[in-house]
């Protein structure tokens, strides 16, 4: 398998292990904000799922075709909606939704032929490769996972958390 493809898939597989490990924290820890007046752990994890779904359904099928990319969602509204949904869902449901959607994304990435990982495409005014596109998404995950690890360490829950 192509190195870049392997790196991205490997991250996504590790992200599932990380999020699965959050099942071991308490409900109070799950609902702890990552910083004052910021989202709770639940909302941070919950907001990743609709973005995975968007990439899977509104980006990947169109990247290497002549069809125009569907317009992206309003980022603020999509994140706010995901946060609201995460506040209303149980920890187990939020984790299960994340894992299910992430597995679907991984399956789709395996289907992409190696040669396409460095083939350029355009989103708006930006020329990207599949690797550069997903590398930015991986950075987004890692940013949030680091925030979660920090807050959970501060509340004594780090022993439950898998490293990413």
Protein backbone atom coordinates (compact mmCIF):
# COMPACT_ATOMS: atom_id res chain seq x y z
CA UNK A 1 0.00 0.00 0.00
CA UNK A 2 1.19 3.49 -0.83
CA UNK A 3 2.95 5.17 2.13
CA UNK A 4 0.74 8.30 2.24
CA UNK A 5 -2.43 6.24 2.11
CA UNK A 6 -1.10 3.98 4.87
CA UNK A 7 -0.29 6.97 7.12
CA UNK A 8 -3.80 8.39 6.86
CA UNK A 9 -5.56 5.06 7.35
CA UNK A 10 -3.28 4.24 10.27
CA UNK A 11 -4.21 7.50 11.97
CA UNK A 12 -7.92 6.83 11.48
CA UNK A 13 -7.56 3.32 12.90
CA UNK A 14 -5.71 4.70 15.95
CA UNK A 15 -8.37 7.39 16.34
CA UNK A 16 -10.98 4.67 16.79
CA UNK A 17 -8.90 3.07 19.56
CA UNK A 18 -8.50 6.48 21.21
CA UNK A 19 -12.23 7.23 21.11
CA UNK A 20 -13.10 3.69 22.27
CA UNK A 21 -10.90 4.31 25.31
CA UNK A 22 -13.12 7.25 26.26
CA UNK A 23 -15.82 4.73 27.19
CA UNK A 24 -13.84 4.24 30.41
CA UNK A 25 -14.26 7.79 31.67
CA UNK A 26 -17.10 8.90 33.90
CA UNK A 27 -20.12 10.78 32.65
CA UNK A 28 -18.88 13.84 34.52
CA UNK A 29 -15.50 13.61 32.78
CA UNK A 30 -17.23 13.08 29.41
CA UNK A 31 -19.18 16.31 29.99
CA UNK A 32 -16.14 18.30 31.16
CA UNK A 33 -15.30 21.31 28.97
CA UNK A 34 -11.86 21.17 27.38
CA UNK A 35 -11.40 24.77 28.59
CA UNK A 36 -13.71 27.25 30.34
CA UNK A 37 -16.59 28.25 28.03
CA UNK A 38 -15.51 25.69 25.41
CA UNK A 39 -17.02 22.42 24.28
CA UNK A 40 -17.05 19.37 26.50
CA UNK A 41 -15.25 16.18 25.52
CA UNK A 42 -18.63 14.85 24.31
CA UNK A 43 -19.11 17.75 21.93
CA UNK A 44 -15.57 17.60 20.59
CA UNK A 45 -15.94 13.92 19.69
CA UNK A 46 -19.49 14.40 18.45
CA UNK A 47 -18.54 17.14 16.00
CA UNK A 48 -16.05 14.90 14.18
CA UNK A 49 -18.72 12.47 12.98
CA UNK A 50 -20.69 14.77 10.66
CA UNK A 51 -17.42 15.96 9.11
CA UNK A 52 -16.41 12.37 8.39
CA UNK A 53 -19.84 11.86 6.84
CA UNK A 54 -19.44 15.01 4.74
CA UNK A 55 -16.02 13.92 3.45
CA UNK A 56 -17.33 10.44 2.69
CA UNK A 57 -20.49 11.55 0.88
CA UNK A 58 -19.80 15.05 -0.43
CA UNK A 59 -16.10 15.03 -1.24
CA UNK A 60 -14.64 11.61 -2.01
CA UNK A 61 -17.19 10.65 -4.69
CA UNK A 62 -16.51 13.90 -6.61
CA UNK A 63 -12.77 14.51 -6.28
CA UNK A 64 -11.62 12.62 -9.35
CA UNK A 65 -14.60 13.22 -11.60
CA UNK A 66 -15.65 16.01 -13.91
CA UNK A 67 -18.60 16.79 -11.61
CA UNK A 68 -18.55 19.92 -9.48
CA UNK A 69 -18.04 19.49 -5.79
CA UNK A 70 -21.21 20.01 -3.76
CA UNK A 71 -21.17 23.24 -1.79
CA UNK A 72 -19.72 22.76 1.66
CA UNK A 73 -21.87 23.29 4.73
CA UNK A 74 -21.79 26.36 6.93
CA UNK A 75 -19.01 25.34 9.32
CA UNK A 76 -20.42 27.18 12.33
CA UNK A 77 -23.91 25.76 11.88
CA UNK A 78 -22.67 22.22 11.28
CA UNK A 79 -20.47 22.35 14.37
CA UNK A 80 -23.22 23.92 16.50
CA UNK A 81 -25.70 21.28 15.38
CA UNK A 82 -23.23 18.49 16.12
CA UNK A 83 -22.53 19.96 19.57
CA UNK A 84 -26.27 20.15 20.35
CA UNK A 85 -26.73 16.55 19.24
CA UNK A 86 -23.79 15.42 21.36
CA UNK A 87 -25.21 17.09 24.45
CA UNK A 88 -28.45 15.17 23.92
CA UNK A 89 -26.86 11.77 23.24
CA UNK A 90 -25.36 9.29 25.63
CA UNK A 91 -21.62 8.77 25.74
CA UNK A 92 -22.04 5.25 24.33
CA UNK A 93 -24.17 6.48 21.43
CA UNK A 94 -21.75 9.29 20.55
CA UNK A 95 -18.78 6.93 20.66
CA UNK A 96 -20.62 4.28 18.62
CA UNK A 97 -21.61 6.87 15.99
CA UNK A 98 -18.03 8.09 15.73
CA UNK A 99 -16.66 4.56 15.36
CA UNK A 100 -19.26 3.57 12.77
CA UNK A 101 -18.65 6.65 10.62
CA UNK A 102 -14.88 6.40 10.96
CA UNK A 103 -14.98 2.75 9.85
CA UNK A 104 -16.97 3.78 6.79
CA UNK A 105 -14.39 6.44 5.97
CA UNK A 106 -11.53 3.97 6.41
CA UNK A 107 -13.26 1.48 4.11
CA UNK A 108 -13.63 4.19 1.46
CA UNK A 109 -9.97 5.16 1.77
CA UNK A 110 -8.87 1.58 1.20
CA UNK A 111 -10.81 1.65 -2.08
CA UNK A 112 -8.91 4.64 -3.45
CA UNK A 113 -6.15 3.49 -5.78
CA UNK A 114 -2.64 4.39 -4.70
CA UNK A 115 -1.97 6.58 -7.73
CA UNK A 116 -4.75 8.99 -6.76
CA UNK A 117 -3.09 9.98 -3.48
CA UNK A 118 -0.73 12.39 -5.25
CA UNK A 119 -3.04 13.36 -8.12
CA UNK A 120 -3.90 17.07 -7.77
CA UNK A 121 -7.46 18.34 -7.54
CA UNK A 122 -8.99 21.71 -6.76
CA UNK A 123 -11.33 22.79 -3.99
CA UNK A 124 -12.23 26.44 -4.44
CA UNK A 125 -8.97 28.24 -5.17
CA UNK A 126 -6.79 25.59 -3.54
CA UNK A 127 -4.97 22.85 -5.39
CA UNK A 128 -4.55 19.81 -3.16
CA UNK A 129 -3.68 16.15 -3.22
CA UNK A 130 -5.65 13.53 -1.36
CA UNK A 131 -2.77 13.19 1.05
CA UNK A 132 -2.59 16.94 1.78
CA UNK A 133 -6.38 17.10 2.15
CA UNK A 134 -6.45 14.25 4.66
CA UNK A 135 -3.27 15.40 6.41
CA UNK A 136 -5.11 18.60 7.38
CA UNK A 137 -8.02 16.52 8.71
CA UNK A 138 -5.59 14.37 10.70
CA UNK A 139 -4.07 17.56 12.17
CA UNK A 140 -7.57 18.65 13.18
CA UNK A 141 -8.17 15.32 14.94
CA UNK A 142 -4.81 15.47 16.71
CA UNK A 143 -5.47 19.03 17.90
CA UNK A 144 -8.74 17.95 19.51
CA UNK A 145 -7.37 14.68 20.87
CA UNK A 146 -4.55 16.60 22.54
CA UNK A 147 -7.09 18.95 24.15
CA UNK A 148 -9.04 15.94 25.41
CA UNK A 149 -5.94 14.27 26.81
CA UNK A 150 -4.98 17.47 28.62
CA UNK A 151 -8.35 18.04 30.25
CA UNK A 152 -8.73 14.39 31.22
CA UNK A 153 -5.25 14.38 32.73
CA UNK A 154 -6.27 17.43 34.76
CA UNK A 155 -9.34 15.61 36.13
CA UNK A 156 -7.46 12.39 36.86
CA UNK A 157 -8.88 10.29 34.02
CA UNK A 158 -5.77 9.86 31.89
CA UNK A 159 -5.27 6.25 33.01
CA UNK A 160 -8.29 5.32 30.89
CA UNK A 161 -7.15 6.99 27.73
CA UNK A 162 -5.30 5.30 24.91
CA UNK A 163 -2.50 7.36 23.42
CA UNK A 164 -2.99 8.55 19.87
